[in-house]
Protein backbone atom coordinates (compact mmCIF):
# COMPACT_ATOMS: atom_id res chain seq x y z
CA MET A 1 72.02 114.33 95.67
CA ASP A 2 70.71 110.79 96.10
CA VAL A 3 71.06 108.60 93.03
CA PRO A 4 67.76 107.23 91.68
CA LEU A 5 67.72 103.57 90.83
CA GLN A 6 67.51 102.80 87.14
CA LYS A 7 65.97 99.58 85.92
CA LYS A 8 68.08 96.55 86.68
CA GLN A 9 68.76 94.37 83.67
CA PRO A 10 68.41 90.56 83.77
CA SER A 11 71.56 88.49 83.52
CA ASP A 12 72.28 84.89 82.62
CA THR A 13 76.06 85.29 82.48
CA LYS A 14 78.59 84.92 85.29
CA LYS A 15 80.93 87.79 85.98
CA LYS A 16 84.43 86.77 84.98
CA GLY A 17 87.67 87.63 86.69
CA TYR A 18 89.23 87.64 90.14
CA ASP A 19 87.12 87.90 93.28
CA LEU A 20 88.20 88.36 96.90
CA ASP A 21 87.31 85.82 99.59
CA ASP A 22 86.16 87.54 102.78
CA SER A 23 87.18 84.57 104.92
CA SER A 24 90.83 84.97 103.98
CA LEU A 25 90.82 88.53 105.30
CA VAL A 26 88.97 87.55 108.48
CA SER A 27 91.70 85.00 109.17
CA GLN A 28 94.21 87.86 108.89
CA GLY A 29 92.37 89.87 111.54
CA TYR A 30 90.26 92.13 109.36
CA THR A 31 86.67 93.13 110.16
CA LYS A 32 84.34 94.18 107.33
CA VAL A 33 82.68 97.47 108.28
CA PHE A 34 81.09 98.39 104.94
CA GLU A 35 79.88 96.58 101.84
CA ASP A 36 77.78 97.56 98.85
CA ASN A 37 77.06 94.90 96.23
CA PHE A 38 74.96 97.25 94.08
CA SER A 39 72.07 94.81 94.14
CA SER A 40 69.16 97.15 94.92
CA ASP A 41 69.90 100.88 94.99
CA LEU A 42 72.54 103.56 95.43
CA ALA A 43 71.27 104.93 98.71
CA LEU A 44 74.77 104.92 100.22
CA TRP A 45 76.17 107.23 97.56
CA ASN A 46 75.80 110.79 96.30
CA ALA A 47 75.95 111.64 92.60
CA TRP A 48 78.13 114.50 91.36
CA GLU A 49 76.08 116.88 89.25
CA GLY A 50 78.13 119.26 87.12
CA GLY A 51 81.49 119.58 85.48
CA ALA A 52 84.83 118.77 87.08
CA TYR A 53 88.43 119.93 87.13
CA ASN A 54 91.53 119.24 85.01
CA ASN A 55 89.86 120.45 81.79
CA GLU A 56 87.86 117.24 81.57
CA LEU A 57 85.30 117.10 78.78
CA GLN A 58 82.33 115.51 80.57
CA LEU A 59 79.34 116.77 82.50
CA TYR A 60 78.68 114.42 85.41
CA ARG A 61 75.00 113.44 85.70
CA HIS A 62 73.06 110.82 87.65
CA GLU A 63 71.46 109.71 84.37
CA ASN A 64 74.79 108.08 83.42
CA LEU A 65 74.68 105.82 86.49
CA SER A 66 72.75 102.55 86.46
CA LEU A 67 72.57 99.19 88.19
CA GLN A 68 72.85 96.23 85.85
CA ASN A 69 73.33 92.58 86.75
CA GLY A 70 74.40 93.48 90.29
CA SER A 71 77.00 96.05 89.23
CA LEU A 72 77.21 99.81 89.19
CA VAL A 73 77.66 100.85 85.57
CA ILE A 74 79.10 104.27 84.72
CA THR A 75 78.39 104.97 81.05
CA PRO A 76 80.03 107.86 79.17
CA VAL A 77 78.07 109.27 76.23
CA LYS A 78 79.16 111.56 73.45
CA GLU A 79 76.48 114.25 73.39
CA GLN A 80 76.32 118.03 73.60
CA VAL A 81 74.75 119.27 76.81
CA THR A 82 74.77 122.40 78.93
CA GLY A 83 75.40 122.28 82.65
CA LYS A 84 77.17 123.84 85.60
CA THR A 85 80.90 124.32 85.20
CA LEU A 86 81.23 122.89 88.72
CA PRO A 87 78.53 121.64 91.11
CA GLU A 88 78.96 124.68 93.36
CA SER A 89 79.10 127.16 90.46
CA SER A 90 76.26 129.05 88.80
CA VAL A 91 78.35 129.49 85.63
CA MET A 92 77.05 127.33 82.79
CA LYS A 93 79.03 125.83 79.90
CA THR A 94 78.56 123.42 77.01
CA PHE A 95 80.04 119.94 77.31
CA GLY A 96 80.71 117.41 74.56
CA TYR A 97 80.28 114.34 76.77
CA THR A 98 78.33 113.13 79.80
CA SER A 99 79.43 110.56 82.38
CA GLY A 100 79.00 109.63 86.04
CA ARG A 101 80.64 110.01 89.42
CA VAL A 102 79.56 108.80 92.87
CA GLU A 103 80.95 109.56 96.31
CA SER A 104 80.18 107.64 99.49
CA LYS A 105 77.99 109.24 102.12
CA PHE A 106 80.07 107.52 104.79
CA THR A 107 83.67 108.39 105.69
CA TYR A 108 86.56 106.37 107.10
CA THR A 109 90.09 106.77 108.44
CA PRO A 110 92.67 104.74 110.34
CA SER A 111 92.91 105.57 114.03
CA ASP A 112 94.61 104.43 117.21
CA GLN A 113 91.74 101.95 117.67
CA THR A 114 91.77 100.61 114.11
CA SER A 115 95.26 101.28 112.79
CA LYS A 116 94.59 99.76 109.35
CA ILE A 117 91.87 100.67 106.87
CA ARG A 118 91.57 98.45 103.81
CA ILE A 119 89.39 99.78 101.00
CA SER A 120 88.57 97.42 98.15
CA ALA A 121 86.55 97.38 94.95
CA ARG A 122 85.98 94.84 92.19
CA ILE A 123 86.08 96.70 88.88
CA GLN A 124 86.14 96.04 85.16
CA LEU A 125 87.89 98.95 83.48
CA PRO A 126 86.75 100.67 80.28
CA HIS A 127 88.93 100.44 77.21
CA GLY A 128 89.29 103.28 74.76
CA ALA A 129 91.23 106.45 74.05
CA GLY A 130 90.32 109.27 76.41
CA MET A 131 88.75 107.07 79.09
CA TRP A 132 89.92 108.07 82.60
CA PRO A 133 88.37 105.77 85.23
CA ALA A 134 89.28 106.33 88.88
CA PHE A 135 88.76 104.68 92.26
CA TRP A 136 90.01 106.91 95.05
CA SER A 137 89.39 108.55 98.41
CA TYR A 138 89.78 112.07 99.70
CA GLY A 139 89.02 114.39 102.60
CA ALA A 140 87.52 117.87 102.83
CA LYS A 141 89.37 121.10 102.04
CA TRP A 142 91.49 119.38 99.40
CA PRO A 143 94.32 118.50 99.68
CA THR A 144 94.75 119.33 103.38
CA GLU A 145 93.19 116.01 104.44
CA GLY A 146 94.82 113.97 101.69
CA GLU A 147 93.81 112.05 98.58
CA ILE A 148 94.59 108.40 97.86
CA ASP A 149 94.40 107.27 94.22
CA ILE A 150 93.91 103.52 94.38
CA LEU A 151 93.35 103.29 90.64
CA GLU A 152 93.61 105.67 87.71
CA ALA A 153 93.74 104.36 84.16
CA LEU A 154 94.00 106.05 80.79
CA GLY A 155 92.24 103.67 78.45
CA ASP A 156 95.15 101.20 78.47
CA GLN A 157 94.22 97.54 78.71
CA TYR A 158 97.14 96.52 80.93
CA LYS A 159 98.25 99.59 82.89
CA TYR A 160 97.01 101.86 85.67
CA THR A 161 98.59 104.13 88.27
CA THR A 162 98.58 104.57 92.04
CA ASP A 163 99.29 107.89 93.76
CA TYR A 164 98.51 110.15 96.71
CA PHE A 165 98.28 113.90 97.28
CA TYR A 166 98.70 116.15 100.29
CA GLY A 167 99.07 119.88 100.89
CA ALA A 168 99.07 121.97 104.06
CA LYS A 169 97.05 124.74 102.38
CA VAL A 170 93.76 124.45 100.49
CA GLY A 171 94.33 124.12 96.75
CA MET A 172 98.11 123.77 97.05
CA VAL A 173 99.87 120.38 96.72
CA ASP A 174 103.08 119.74 98.67
CA SER A 175 103.58 116.11 97.66
CA ASN A 176 105.67 115.48 94.54
CA ASP A 177 103.88 113.59 91.77
CA GLU A 178 107.18 112.55 90.23
CA LEU A 179 107.97 110.61 93.41
CA THR A 180 104.52 109.40 94.42
CA VAL A 181 102.91 108.12 91.20
CA LYS A 182 103.62 104.55 90.11
CA THR A 183 102.53 102.77 86.94
CA ILE A 184 101.32 99.22 87.47
CA THR A 185 101.54 96.83 84.52
CA SER A 186 99.36 93.74 84.62
CA SER A 187 99.97 90.53 82.70
CA THR A 188 96.25 90.28 81.97
CA ASP A 189 93.79 92.57 80.20
CA LEU A 190 92.17 94.69 82.92
CA THR A 191 89.36 95.74 80.58
CA ASN A 192 88.25 92.20 79.75
CA ASP A 193 87.38 90.91 83.25
CA TYR A 194 86.81 92.09 86.80
CA HIS A 195 89.79 92.65 89.09
CA VAL A 196 90.08 93.70 92.74
CA TYR A 197 91.90 96.97 93.48
CA GLU A 198 92.82 97.84 97.08
CA VAL A 199 94.77 100.07 99.40
CA ILE A 200 95.77 99.42 103.00
CA TRP A 201 96.12 102.78 104.76
CA THR A 202 98.09 103.11 108.01
CA ARG A 203 99.79 106.00 109.80
CA ASN A 204 103.03 105.59 107.87
CA SER A 205 102.20 103.65 104.73
CA LEU A 206 99.93 103.13 101.75
CA THR A 207 100.04 99.58 100.41
CA PHE A 208 98.32 98.98 97.06
CA LEU A 209 97.12 95.58 95.90
CA LEU A 210 95.85 94.08 92.66
CA ASP A 211 93.99 90.79 93.03
CA ASP A 212 95.32 90.43 96.59
CA GLN A 213 98.95 90.87 95.49
CA VAL A 214 101.01 93.87 96.62
CA VAL A 215 101.94 96.01 93.60
CA ASP A 216 103.07 99.24 95.30
CA GLU A 217 104.02 100.42 98.77
CA LYS A 218 104.53 104.06 99.67
CA LEU A 219 106.28 104.54 103.03
CA SER A 220 106.71 107.67 105.12
CA THR A 221 110.42 106.85 105.30
CA SER A 222 110.82 106.66 101.52
CA PRO A 223 111.34 109.57 99.10
CA GLY A 224 107.95 111.12 98.33
CA GLY A 225 106.19 109.39 101.21
CA GLU A 226 106.93 111.89 103.96
CA PHE A 227 103.43 113.45 103.82
CA ILE A 228 101.50 110.23 104.50
CA PRO A 229 101.43 110.75 108.31
CA ALA A 230 100.01 114.26 107.77
CA PHE A 231 96.55 112.93 106.83
CA TYR A 232 96.40 110.00 109.22
CA GLY A 233 93.11 110.26 111.12
CA LYS A 234 91.51 112.51 108.48
CA LEU A 235 88.11 111.30 107.30
CA HIS A 236 87.85 110.25 103.64
CA HIS A 237 84.97 109.66 101.24
CA ILE A 238 85.27 106.97 98.55
CA ALA A 239 84.88 108.15 94.97
CA LEU A 240 84.23 106.22 91.75
CA ASN A 241 84.11 108.06 88.46
CA LEU A 242 84.77 107.88 84.75
CA ALA A 243 86.16 111.09 83.27
CA VAL A 244 86.56 111.80 79.56
CA GLY A 245 89.72 113.51 78.32
CA GLY A 246 91.46 116.19 80.34
CA ASP A 247 94.91 117.48 81.21
CA ILE A 248 96.18 114.07 82.27
CA PHE A 249 96.34 112.96 78.63
CA GLY A 250 98.75 115.74 77.70
CA LYS A 251 98.54 118.74 75.42
CA ASP A 252 99.12 116.69 72.26
CA PHE A 253 96.17 114.36 72.84
CA ASP A 254 93.70 114.37 69.93
CA ASN A 255 90.14 114.54 71.30
CA SER A 256 88.80 113.25 68.00
CA THR A 257 90.29 109.82 68.85
CA ILE A 258 88.15 109.38 72.00
CA GLN A 259 86.31 106.05 72.19
CA THR A 260 83.73 105.70 74.97
CA SER A 261 83.07 102.51 76.95
CA PRO A 262 81.54 101.81 80.40
CA MET A 263 83.16 101.20 83.77
CA TYR A 264 81.68 98.36 85.85
CA VAL A 265 81.88 98.11 89.66
CA ASP A 266 80.75 94.80 91.16
CA TRP A 267 81.20 95.76 94.84
CA VAL A 268 82.94 98.11 97.26
CA ARG A 269 84.09 97.06 100.75
CA VAL A 270 85.94 98.59 103.67
CA TYR A 271 87.76 96.56 106.32
CA THR A 272 89.47 97.58 109.55
CA SER A 273 92.21 95.94 111.56
CA GLU A 274 94.23 96.77 114.65
């Protein structure tokens, strides 16, 4: 569904942290083909309405999405609500939290004409136990058209992970998480300021950047990277979400320790290059 615009809040403070200069990418041969600065509405995005996978604790609702000071704000709330187990399901369940997720209406992929796709977002991460923010892309009939995890964090102030998934059959993953996931450790607090997270997607590689510096490169010729060419040319949506709890935290995680805090997204851009 389309996301209604919530009231934009006034601001007299400057957003802190790293920002990316478009001109530097233009000089490298990139062309900007998409940009959303979240200054007026969310017309380019769809909101996820319902629960999710991985035993997450939140119900995704458009009410948890807002535009404030020129940023998309995804706000998790501890509250008991009833909603659909999944958006496509008629089965209802009770959730202990609400949060937000948006997915782009447009799709993108590298091709023989534009061999590089660079997807970027300027984000300030939430801090708190049980917070699972993500910035990623994926295609239909998961995971047959691939998934690229540009950013996943688990409430840590200095760490996040990159990853990708692929499987030849719907619902079955062939890629090996033990070989594909990488933990990135920053020297600065990622929850205190904005930072720019990116991936450059080509036929045979996924190159991940933090503040315009390469932090991970997954190659088709390296262990775990052999499935990257399988989803070259497959159209992807961009997704931004903030999950609460779930399997990723492990079976020993104590849900009573969860501390909610918002995720802020200043802008999202997509560039192409030959």
